[in-house]
Amino acid sequence: MIYLLVFWLHAQCHLPFRACNAILVCLAPIFKSAGIVLDPLMYSTHPSVMTALRADPIFQVCPVCPACRQTPNYSFNLAPTYDDVRVQGTVFHTVV
């Protein structure tokens, strides 16, 4: 439940990663002092909580055309192409 709370605070309330980490680090000794046995031990970082919940964001990073600021058109596994004729063939170069 704590992991879901931390993930929700980050996703909905835009709580920064460091604040999420602080919540996790502060709650572990509180549970221990209350006599609650945690097995396995609690995660102490927000990325590890996201991985444990399988809630890692999935997105694609695309290059942007320097002239028109548009993302390329991808079709299947072909090389990206731009609609802007000014930059055709100038954005991606094959390095040999």
PDB file of N, CA and C in Angstrom:
ATOM      1  N   MET A   1       0.813  -1.188   0.000  1.00  0.00           N
ATOM      2  CA  MET A   1       0.000   0.000   0.000  1.00  0.00           C
ATOM      3  C   MET A   1       0.861   1.259   0.000  1.00  0.00           C
ATOM      4  N   ILE A   2       1.982   1.193   0.708  1.00  0.00           N
ATOM      5  CA  ILE A   2       2.876   2.350   0.753  1.00  0.00           C
ATOM      6  C   ILE A   2       3.429   2.645  -0.634  1.00  0.00           C
ATOM      7  N   TYR A   3       3.786   1.603  -1.373  1.00  0.00           N
ATOM      8  CA  TYR A   3       4.318   1.793  -2.718  1.00  0.00           C
ATOM      9  C   TYR A   3       3.281   2.448  -3.621  1.00  0.00           C
ATOM     10  N   LEU A   4       2.035   2.024  -3.514  1.00  0.00           N
ATOM     11  CA  LEU A   4       0.979   2.630  -4.316  1.00  0.00           C
ATOM     12  C   LEU A   4       0.768   4.089  -3.934  1.00  0.00           C
ATOM     13  N   LEU A   5       0.856   4.394  -2.650  1.00  0.00           N
ATOM     14  CA  LEU A   5       0.721   5.773  -2.197  1.00  0.00           C
ATOM     15  C   LEU A   5       1.821   6.640  -2.785  1.00  0.00           C
ATOM     16  N   VAL A   6       3.053   6.167  -2.710  1.00  0.00           N
ATOM     17  CA  VAL A   6       4.181   6.939  -3.231  1.00  0.00           C
ATOM     18  C   VAL A   6       4.062   7.115  -4.741  1.00  0.00           C
ATOM     19  N   PHE A   7       3.682   6.044  -5.429  1.00  0.00           N
ATOM     20  CA  PHE A   7       3.521   6.147  -6.881  1.00  0.00           C
ATOM     21  C   PHE A   7       2.399   7.121  -7.228  1.00  0.00           C
ATOM     22  N   TRP A   8       1.297   7.079  -6.500  1.00  0.00           N
ATOM     23  CA  TRP A   8       0.183   7.985  -6.759  1.00  0.00           C
ATOM     24  C   TRP A   8       0.585   9.429  -6.490  1.00  0.00           C
ATOM     25  N   LEU A   9       1.297   9.682  -5.402  1.00  0.00           N
ATOM     26  CA  LEU A   9       1.748  11.042  -5.108  1.00  0.00           C
ATOM     27  C   LEU A   9       2.639  11.578  -6.224  1.00  0.00           C
ATOM     28  N   HIS A  10       3.473  10.713  -6.781  1.00  0.00           N
ATOM     29  CA  HIS A  10       4.346  11.149  -7.872  1.00  0.00           C
ATOM     30  C   HIS A  10       3.552  11.378  -9.154  1.00  0.00           C
ATOM     31  N   ALA A  11       2.652  10.451  -9.491  1.00  0.00           N
ATOM     32  CA  ALA A  11       1.939  10.522 -10.765  1.00  0.00           C
ATOM     33  C   ALA A  11       0.856  11.602 -10.772  1.00  0.00           C
ATOM     34  N   GLN A  12       0.068  11.690  -9.725  1.00  0.00           N
ATOM     35  CA  GLN A  12      -1.061  12.619  -9.717  1.00  0.00           C
ATOM     36  C   GLN A  12      -0.719  13.987  -9.139  1.00  0.00           C
ATOM     37  N   CYS A  13       0.088  14.008  -8.096  1.00  0.00           N
ATOM     38  CA  CYS A  13       0.396  15.267  -7.412  1.00  0.00           C
ATOM     39  C   CYS A  13       1.743  15.847  -7.824  1.00  0.00           C
ATOM     40  N   HIS A  14       2.426  15.171  -8.725  1.00  0.00           N
ATOM     41  CA  HIS A  14       3.719  15.624  -9.250  1.00  0.00           C
ATOM     42  C   HIS A  14       4.757  15.829  -8.145  1.00  0.00           C
ATOM     43  N   LEU A  15       4.734  14.937  -7.173  1.00  0.00           N
ATOM     44  CA  LEU A  15       5.739  14.959  -6.120  1.00  0.00           C
ATOM     45  C   LEU A  15       7.073  14.537  -6.716  1.00  0.00           C
ATOM     46  N   PRO A  16       8.151  15.302  -6.491  1.00  0.00           N
ATOM     47  CA  PRO A  16       9.446  14.965  -7.094  1.00  0.00           C
ATOM     48  C   PRO A  16       9.990  13.623  -6.590  1.00  0.00           C
ATOM     49  N   PHE A  17      10.898  13.051  -7.392  1.00  0.00           N
ATOM     50  CA  PHE A  17      11.511  11.771  -7.044  1.00  0.00           C
ATOM     51  C   PHE A  17      12.177  11.841  -5.678  1.00  0.00           C
ATOM     52  N   ARG A  18      12.869  12.920  -5.393  1.00  0.00           N
ATOM     53  CA  ARG A  18      13.587  13.020  -4.110  1.00  0.00           C
ATOM     54  C   ARG A  18      12.636  13.011  -2.926  1.00  0.00           C
ATOM     55  N   ALA A  19      11.486  13.646  -3.077  1.00  0.00           N
ATOM     56  CA  ALA A  19      10.495  13.632  -1.995  1.00  0.00           C
ATOM     57  C   ALA A  19       9.911  12.224  -1.822  1.00  0.00           C
ATOM     58  N   CYS A  20       9.700  11.524  -2.934  1.00  0.00           N
ATOM     59  CA  CYS A  20       9.222  10.136  -2.849  1.00  0.00           C
ATOM     60  C   CYS A  20      10.251   9.267  -2.141  1.00  0.00           C
ATOM     61  N   ASN A  21      11.520   9.460  -2.484  1.00  0.00           N
ATOM     62  CA  ASN A  21      12.592   8.713  -1.814  1.00  0.00           C
ATOM     63  C   ASN A  21      12.612   9.030  -0.324  1.00  0.00           C
ATOM     64  N   ALA A  22      12.398  10.306   0.037  1.00  0.00           N
ATOM     65  CA  ALA A  22      12.404  10.698   1.449  1.00  0.00           C
ATOM     66  C   ALA A  22      11.267  10.018   2.204  1.00  0.00           C
ATOM     67  N   ILE A  23      10.098   9.909   1.582  1.00  0.00           N
ATOM     68  CA  ILE A  23       8.967   9.218   2.225  1.00  0.00           C
ATOM     69  C   ILE A  23       9.337   7.768   2.496  1.00  0.00           C
ATOM     70  N   LEU A  24       9.909   7.109   1.488  1.00  0.00           N
ATOM     71  CA  LEU A  24      10.264   5.696   1.645  1.00  0.00           C
ATOM     72  C   LEU A  24      11.327   5.495   2.716  1.00  0.00           C
ATOM     73  N   VAL A  25      12.337   6.361   2.738  1.00  0.00           N
ATOM     74  CA  VAL A  25      13.429   6.232   3.711  1.00  0.00           C
ATOM     75  C   VAL A  25      12.926   6.522   5.120  1.00  0.00           C
ATOM     76  N   CYS A  26      12.001   7.465   5.265  1.00  0.00           N
ATOM     77  CA  CYS A  26      11.494   7.807   6.599  1.00  0.00           C
ATOM     78  C   CYS A  26      10.503   6.777   7.139  1.00  0.00           C
ATOM     79  N   LEU A  27       9.764   6.130   6.254  1.00  0.00           N
ATOM     80  CA  LEU A  27       8.768   5.163   6.729  1.00  0.00           C
ATOM     81  C   LEU A  27       9.388   3.849   7.209  1.00  0.00           C
ATOM     82  N   ALA A  28      10.515   3.466   6.640  1.00  0.00           N
ATOM     83  CA  ALA A  28      11.143   2.196   7.032  1.00  0.00           C
ATOM     84  C   ALA A  28      11.495   2.165   8.523  1.00  0.00           C
ATOM     85  N   PRO A  29      12.193   3.177   9.077  1.00  0.00           N
ATOM     86  CA  PRO A  29      12.480   3.125  10.521  1.00  0.00           C
ATOM     87  C   PRO A  29      11.234   3.277  11.393  1.00  0.00           C
ATOM     88  N   ILE A  30      10.212   3.976  10.878  1.00  0.00           N
ATOM     89  CA  ILE A  30       8.971   4.105  11.649  1.00  0.00           C
ATOM     90  C   ILE A  30       8.315   2.737  11.804  1.00  0.00           C
ATOM     91  N   PHE A  31       8.259   1.982  10.708  1.00  0.00           N
ATOM     92  CA  PHE A  31       7.695   0.635  10.787  1.00  0.00           C
ATOM     93  C   PHE A  31       8.523  -0.254  11.702  1.00  0.00           C
ATOM     94  N   LYS A  32       9.846  -0.118  11.599  1.00  0.00           N
ATOM     95  CA  LYS A  32      10.728  -0.955  12.426  1.00  0.00           C
ATOM     96  C   LYS A  32      10.549  -0.633  13.913  1.00  0.00           C
ATOM     97  N   SER A  33      10.439   0.650  14.254  1.00  0.00           N
ATOM     98  CA  SER A  33      10.275   1.026  15.659  1.00  0.00           C
ATOM     99  C   SER A  33       8.893   0.642  16.195  1.00  0.00           C
ATOM    100  N   ALA A  34       7.911   0.527  15.293  1.00  0.00           N
ATOM    101  CA  ALA A  34       6.570   0.099  15.709  1.00  0.00           C
ATOM    102  C   ALA A  34       6.484  -1.414  15.868  1.00  0.00           C
ATOM    103  N   GLY A  35       7.565  -2.118  15.520  1.00  0.00           N
ATOM    104  CA  GLY A  35       7.588  -3.562  15.686  1.00  0.00           C
ATOM    105  C   GLY A  35       7.042  -4.327  14.497  1.00  0.00           C
ATOM    106  N   ILE A  36       6.845  -3.634  13.390  1.00  0.00           N
ATOM    107  CA  ILE A  36       6.341  -4.294  12.182  1.00  0.00           C
ATOM    108  C   ILE A  36       7.525  -4.911  11.449  1.00  0.00           C
ATOM    109  N   VAL A  37       7.451  -6.203  11.206  1.00  0.00           N
ATOM    110  CA  VAL A  37       8.528  -6.910  10.514  1.00  0.00           C
ATOM    111  C   VAL A  37       8.237  -6.878   9.021  1.00  0.00           C
ATOM    112  N   LEU A  38       9.167  -6.348   8.272  1.00  0.00           N
ATOM    113  CA  LEU A  38       9.021  -6.262   6.821  1.00  0.00           C
ATOM    114  C   LEU A  38       9.900  -7.317   6.168  1.00  0.00           C
ATOM    115  N   ASP A  39       9.273  -8.247   5.494  1.00  0.00           N
ATOM    116  CA  ASP A  39      10.028  -9.275   4.789  1.00  0.00           C
ATOM    117  C   ASP A  39       9.412  -9.465   3.412  1.00  0.00           C
ATOM    118  N   PRO A  40      10.047  -9.104   2.355  1.00  0.00           N
ATOM    119  CA  PRO A  40      11.399  -8.552   2.215  1.00  0.00           C
ATOM    120  C   PRO A  40      11.446  -7.093   2.670  1.00  0.00           C
ATOM    121  N   LEU A  41      12.660  -6.580   2.781  1.00  0.00           N
ATOM    122  CA  LEU A  41      12.837  -5.206   3.231  1.00  0.00           C
ATOM    123  C   LEU A  41      12.190  -4.235   2.254  1.00  0.00           C
ATOM    124  N   MET A  42      11.844  -3.065   2.766  1.00  0.00           N
ATOM    125  CA  MET A  42      11.182  -2.046   1.958  1.00  0.00           C
ATOM    126  C   MET A  42      12.153  -1.424   0.967  1.00  0.00           C
ATOM    127  N   TYR A  43      11.672  -1.140  -0.243  1.00  0.00           N
ATOM    128  CA  TYR A  43      12.484  -0.402  -1.203  1.00  0.00           C
ATOM    129  C   TYR A  43      12.674   1.017  -0.707  1.00  0.00           C
ATOM    130  N   SER A  44      13.816   1.609  -1.032  1.00  0.00           N
ATOM    131  CA  SER A  44      14.087   2.957  -0.536  1.00  0.00           C
ATOM    132  C   SER A  44      14.228   3.987  -1.652  1.00  0.00           C
ATOM    133  N   THR A  45      14.010   3.597  -2.896  1.00  0.00           N
ATOM    134  CA  THR A  45      14.067   4.563  -3.991  1.00  0.00           C
ATOM    135  C   THR A  45      12.806   4.466  -4.833  1.00  0.00           C
ATOM    136  N   HIS A  46      12.406   5.593  -5.372  1.00  0.00           N
ATOM    137  CA  HIS A  46      11.193   5.631  -6.186  1.00  0.00           C
ATOM    138  C   HIS A  46      11.316   4.805  -7.468  1.00  0.00           C
ATOM    139  N   PRO A  47      12.460   4.835  -8.184  1.00  0.00           N
ATOM    140  CA  PRO A  47      12.566   3.974  -9.367  1.00  0.00           C
ATOM    141  C   PRO A  47      12.414   2.486  -9.055  1.00  0.00           C
ATOM    142  N   SER A  48      12.924   2.033  -7.915  1.00  0.00           N
ATOM    143  CA  SER A  48      12.773   0.620  -7.566  1.00  0.00           C
ATOM    144  C   SER A  48      11.317   0.286  -7.249  1.00  0.00           C
ATOM    145  N   VAL A  49      10.591   1.233  -6.675  1.00  0.00           N
ATOM    146  CA  VAL A  49       9.159   1.030  -6.418  1.00  0.00           C
ATOM    147  C   VAL A  49       8.406   0.945  -7.740  1.00  0.00           C
ATOM    148  N   MET A  50       8.734   1.826  -8.683  1.00  0.00           N
ATOM    149  CA  MET A  50       8.069   1.799  -9.984  1.00  0.00           C
ATOM    150  C   MET A  50       8.339   0.486 -10.712  1.00  0.00           C
ATOM    151  N   THR A  51       9.556  -0.022 -10.600  1.00  0.00           N
ATOM    152  CA  THR A  51       9.898  -1.296 -11.224  1.00  0.00           C
ATOM    153  C   THR A  51       9.156  -2.444 -10.538  1.00  0.00           C
ATOM    154  N   ALA A  52       9.071  -2.408  -9.218  1.00  0.00           N
ATOM    155  CA  ALA A  52       8.368  -3.463  -8.480  1.00  0.00           C
ATOM    156  C   ALA A  52       6.878  -3.483  -8.829  1.00  0.00           C
ATOM    157  N   LEU A  53       6.302  -2.319  -9.071  1.00  0.00           N
ATOM    158  CA  LEU A  53       4.894  -2.231  -9.447  1.00  0.00           C
ATOM    159  C   LEU A  53       4.682  -2.411 -10.949  1.00  0.00           C
ATOM    160  N   ARG A  54       5.775  -2.559 -11.676  1.00  0.00           N
ATOM    161  CA  ARG A  54       5.740  -2.640 -13.145  1.00  0.00           C
ATOM    162  C   ARG A  54       5.006  -1.448 -13.740  1.00  0.00           C
ATOM    163  N   ALA A  55       5.352  -0.267 -13.226  1.00  0.00           N
ATOM    164  CA  ALA A  55       4.706   0.967 -13.652  1.00  0.00           C
ATOM    165  C   ALA A  55       5.696   1.913 -14.317  1.00  0.00           C
ATOM    166  N   ASP A  56       6.762   1.354 -14.894  1.00  0.00           N
ATOM    167  CA  ASP A  56       7.737   2.192 -15.573  1.00  0.00           C
ATOM    168  C   ASP A  56       7.091   2.837 -16.787  1.00  0.00           C
ATOM    169  N   PRO A  57       7.325   4.133 -16.986  1.00  0.00           N
ATOM    170  CA  PRO A  57       6.728   4.788 -18.148  1.00  0.00           C
ATOM    171  C   PRO A  57       7.324   4.254 -19.445  1.00  0.00           C
ATOM    172  N   ILE A  58       6.473   4.074 -20.443  1.00  0.00           N
ATOM    173  CA  ILE A  58       6.924   3.599 -21.747  1.00  0.00           C
ATOM    174  C   ILE A  58       6.678   4.720 -22.746  1.00  0.00           C
ATOM    175  N   PHE A  59       7.740   5.243 -23.299  1.00  0.00           N
ATOM    176  CA  PHE A  59       7.613   6.288 -24.300  1.00  0.00           C
ATOM    177  C   PHE A  59       8.789   6.195 -25.250  1.00  0.00           C
ATOM    178  N   GLN A  60       8.643   6.817 -26.384  1.00  0.00           N
ATOM    179  CA  GLN A  60       9.675   6.789 -27.417  1.00  0.00           C
ATOM    180  C   GLN A  60      10.285   8.175 -27.542  1.00  0.00           C
ATOM    181  N   VAL A  61      11.598   8.247 -27.579  1.00  0.00           N
ATOM    182  CA  VAL A  61      12.297   9.508 -27.751  1.00  0.00           C
ATOM    183  C   VAL A  61      12.598   9.662 -29.232  1.00  0.00           C
ATOM    184  N   CYS A  62      12.094  10.730 -29.835  1.00  0.00           N
ATOM    185  CA  CYS A  62      12.287  10.967 -31.265  1.00  0.00           C
ATOM    186  C   CYS A  62      13.147  12.208 -31.468  1.00  0.00           C
ATOM    187  N   PRO A  63      13.995  12.203 -32.479  1.00  0.00           N
ATOM    188  CA  PRO A  63      14.734  13.419 -32.808  1.00  0.00           C
ATOM    189  C   PRO A  63      13.783  14.449 -33.412  1.00  0.00           C
ATOM    190  N   VAL A  64      14.188  15.697 -33.369  1.00  0.00           N
ATOM    191  CA  VAL A  64      13.363  16.779 -33.882  1.00  0.00           C
ATOM    192  C   VAL A  64      14.119  17.485 -34.997  1.00  0.00           C
ATOM    193  N   CYS A  65      13.401  17.827 -36.057  1.00  0.00           N
ATOM    194  CA  CYS A  65      13.991  18.551 -37.184  1.00  0.00           C
ATOM    195  C   CYS A  65      14.469  19.920 -36.712  1.00  0.00           C
ATOM    196  N   PRO A  66      15.726  20.281 -36.960  1.00  0.00           N
ATOM    197  CA  PRO A  66      16.210  21.578 -36.490  1.00  0.00           C
ATOM    198  C   PRO A  66      15.568  22.759 -37.209  1.00  0.00           C
ATOM    199  N   ALA A  67      15.047  22.551 -38.404  1.00  0.00           N
ATOM    200  CA  ALA A  67      14.469  23.663 -39.163  1.00  0.00           C
ATOM    201  C   ALA A  67      13.003  23.907 -38.804  1.00  0.00           C
ATOM    202  N   CYS A  68      12.193  22.847 -38.811  1.00  0.00           N
ATOM    203  CA  CYS A  68      10.747  23.032 -38.624  1.00  0.00           C
ATOM    204  C   CYS A  68      10.241  22.551 -37.269  1.00  0.00           C
ATOM    205  N   ARG A  69      11.097  21.936 -36.438  1.00  0.00           N
ATOM    206  CA  ARG A  69      10.749  21.437 -35.101  1.00  0.00           C
ATOM    207  C   ARG A  69       9.675  20.359 -35.117  1.00  0.00           C
ATOM    208  N   GLN A  70       9.630  19.570 -36.177  1.00  0.00           N
ATOM    209  CA  GLN A  70       8.685  18.464 -36.291  1.00  0.00           C
ATOM    210  C   GLN A  70       9.411  17.153 -36.031  1.00  0.00           C
ATOM    211  N   THR A  71       8.678  16.178 -35.538  1.00  0.00           N
ATOM    212  CA  THR A  71       9.257  14.849 -35.370  1.00  0.00           C
ATOM    213  C   THR A  71       9.145  14.105 -36.692  1.00  0.00           C
ATOM    214  N   PRO A  72      10.047  13.163 -36.950  1.00  0.00           N
ATOM    215  CA  PRO A  72      10.000  12.453 -38.226  1.00  0.00           C
ATOM    216  C   PRO A  72       8.823  11.492 -38.304  1.00  0.00           C
ATOM    217  N   ASN A  73       8.456  11.142 -39.514  1.00  0.00           N
ATOM    218  CA  ASN A  73       7.412  10.145 -39.754  1.00  0.00           C
ATOM    219  C   ASN A  73       8.077   8.785 -39.838  1.00  0.00           C
ATOM    220  N   TYR A  74       7.736   7.893 -38.932  1.00  0.00           N
ATOM    221  CA  TYR A  74       8.298   6.554 -38.929  1.00  0.00           C
ATOM    222  C   TYR A  74       7.305   5.608 -39.585  1.00  0.00           C
ATOM    223  N   SER A  75       7.792   4.766 -40.474  1.00  0.00           N
ATOM    224  CA  SER A  75       6.930   3.737 -41.041  1.00  0.00           C
ATOM    225  C   SER A  75       7.663   2.410 -40.935  1.00  0.00           C
ATOM    226  N   PHE A  76       7.112   1.547 -40.096  1.00  0.00           N
ATOM    227  CA  PHE A  76       7.684   0.229 -39.818  1.00  0.00           C
ATOM    228  C   PHE A  76       9.140   0.372 -39.387  1.00  0.00           C
ATOM    229  N   ASN A  77      10.069  -0.334 -39.981  1.00  0.00           N
ATOM    230  CA  ASN A  77      11.477  -0.270 -39.588  1.00  0.00           C
ATOM    231  C   ASN A  77      12.310   0.553 -40.559  1.00  0.00           C
ATOM    232  N   LEU A  78      11.674   1.391 -41.339  1.00  0.00           N
ATOM    233  CA  LEU A  78      12.405   2.208 -42.305  1.00  0.00           C
ATOM    234  C   LEU A  78      13.024   3.413 -41.609  1.00  0.00           C
ATOM    235  N   ALA A  79      13.930   4.035 -42.307  1.00  0.00           N
ATOM    236  CA  ALA A  79      14.566   5.230 -41.756  1.00  0.00           C
ATOM    237  C   ALA A  79      13.533   6.345 -41.645  1.00  0.00           C
ATOM    238  N   PRO A  80      13.652   7.208 -40.645  1.00  0.00           N
ATOM    239  CA  PRO A  80      12.689   8.290 -40.490  1.00  0.00           C
ATOM    240  C   PRO A  80      12.785   9.290 -41.638  1.00  0.00           C
ATOM    241  N   THR A  81      11.658   9.845 -42.016  1.00  0.00           N
ATOM    242  CA  THR A  81      11.631  10.857 -43.074  1.00  0.00           C
ATOM    243  C   THR A  81      10.911  12.082 -42.553  1.00  0.00           C
ATOM    244  N   TYR A  82      11.249  13.219 -43.109  1.00  0.00           N
ATOM    245  CA  TYR A  82      10.624  14.473 -42.719  1.00  0.00           C
ATOM    246  C   TYR A  82       9.766  14.987 -43.859  1.00  0.00           C
ATOM    247  N   ASP A  83       8.658  15.621 -43.526  1.00  0.00           N
ATOM    248  CA  ASP A  83       7.802  16.221 -44.533  1.00  0.00           C
ATOM    249  C   ASP A  83       8.411  17.517 -45.067  1.00  0.00           C
ATOM    250  N   ASP A  84       9.277  18.122 -44.295  1.00  0.00           N
ATOM    251  CA  ASP A  84       9.896  19.388 -44.674  1.00  0.00           C
ATOM    252  C   ASP A  84      10.959  19.135 -45.746  1.00  0.00           C
ATOM    253  N   VAL A  85      10.796  19.695 -46.932  1.00  0.00           N
ATOM    254  CA  VAL A  85      11.734  19.433 -48.035  1.00  0.00           C
ATOM    255  C   VAL A  85      13.078  20.109 -47.814  1.00  0.00           C
ATOM    256  N   ARG A  86      13.148  21.100 -46.937  1.00  0.00           N
ATOM    257  CA  ARG A  86      14.413  21.802 -46.697  1.00  0.00           C
ATOM    258  C   ARG A  86      15.435  20.917 -45.999  1.00  0.00           C
ATOM    259  N   VAL A  87      14.970  19.901 -45.266  1.00  0.00           N
ATOM    260  CA  VAL A  87      15.909  19.079 -44.486  1.00  0.00           C
ATOM    261  C   VAL A  87      15.954  17.641 -44.953  1.00  0.00           C
ATOM    262  N   GLN A  88      15.403  17.335 -46.094  1.00  0.00           N
ATOM    263  CA  GLN A  88      15.413  15.953 -46.578  1.00  0.00           C
ATOM    264  C   GLN A  88      16.856  15.454 -46.691  1.00  0.00           C
ATOM    265  N   GLY A  89      17.160  14.416 -45.972  1.00  0.00           N
ATOM    266  CA  GLY A  89      18.479  13.800 -46.057  1.00  0.00           C
ATOM    267  C   GLY A  89      19.572  14.506 -45.295  1.00  0.00           C
ATOM    268  N   THR A  90      19.267  15.605 -44.594  1.00  0.00           N
ATOM    269  CA  THR A  90      20.331  16.321 -43.894  1.00  0.00           C
ATOM    270  C   THR A  90      20.345  16.063 -42.391  1.00  0.00           C
ATOM    271  N   VAL A  91      19.293  15.460 -41.858  1.00  0.00           N
ATOM    272  CA  VAL A  91      19.222  15.270 -40.413  1.00  0.00           C
ATOM    273  C   VAL A  91      19.954  14.006 -39.990  1.00  0.00           C
ATOM    274  N   PHE A  92      19.775  12.916 -40.737  1.00  0.00           N
ATOM    275  CA  PHE A  92      20.390  11.641 -40.383  1.00  0.00           C
ATOM    276  C   PHE A  92      21.467  11.288 -41.393  1.00  0.00           C
ATOM    277  N   HIS A  93      22.655  11.081 -40.888  1.00  0.00           N
ATOM    278  CA  HIS A  93      23.769  10.682 -41.751  1.00  0.00           C
ATOM    279  C   HIS A  93      24.279   9.347 -41.262  1.00  0.00           C
ATOM    280  N   THR A  94      24.620   8.483 -42.185  1.00  0.00           N
ATOM    281  CA  THR A  94      25.174   7.185 -41.833  1.00  0.00           C
ATOM    282  C   THR A  94      26.677   7.360 -41.594  1.00  0.00           C
ATOM    283  N   VAL A  95      27.131   6.957 -40.412  1.00  0.00           N
ATOM    284  CA  VAL A  95      28.537   7.050 -40.083  1.00  0.00           C
ATOM    285  C   VAL A  95      29.181   5.710 -40.357  1.00  0.00           C
ATOM    286  N   VAL A  96      30.232   5.724 -41.156  1.00  0.00           N
ATOM    287  CA  VAL A  96      30.911   4.492 -41.532  1.00  0.00           C
ATOM    288  C   VAL A  96      32.223   4.394 -40.790  1.00  0.00           C
TER     289      VAL A  96
END
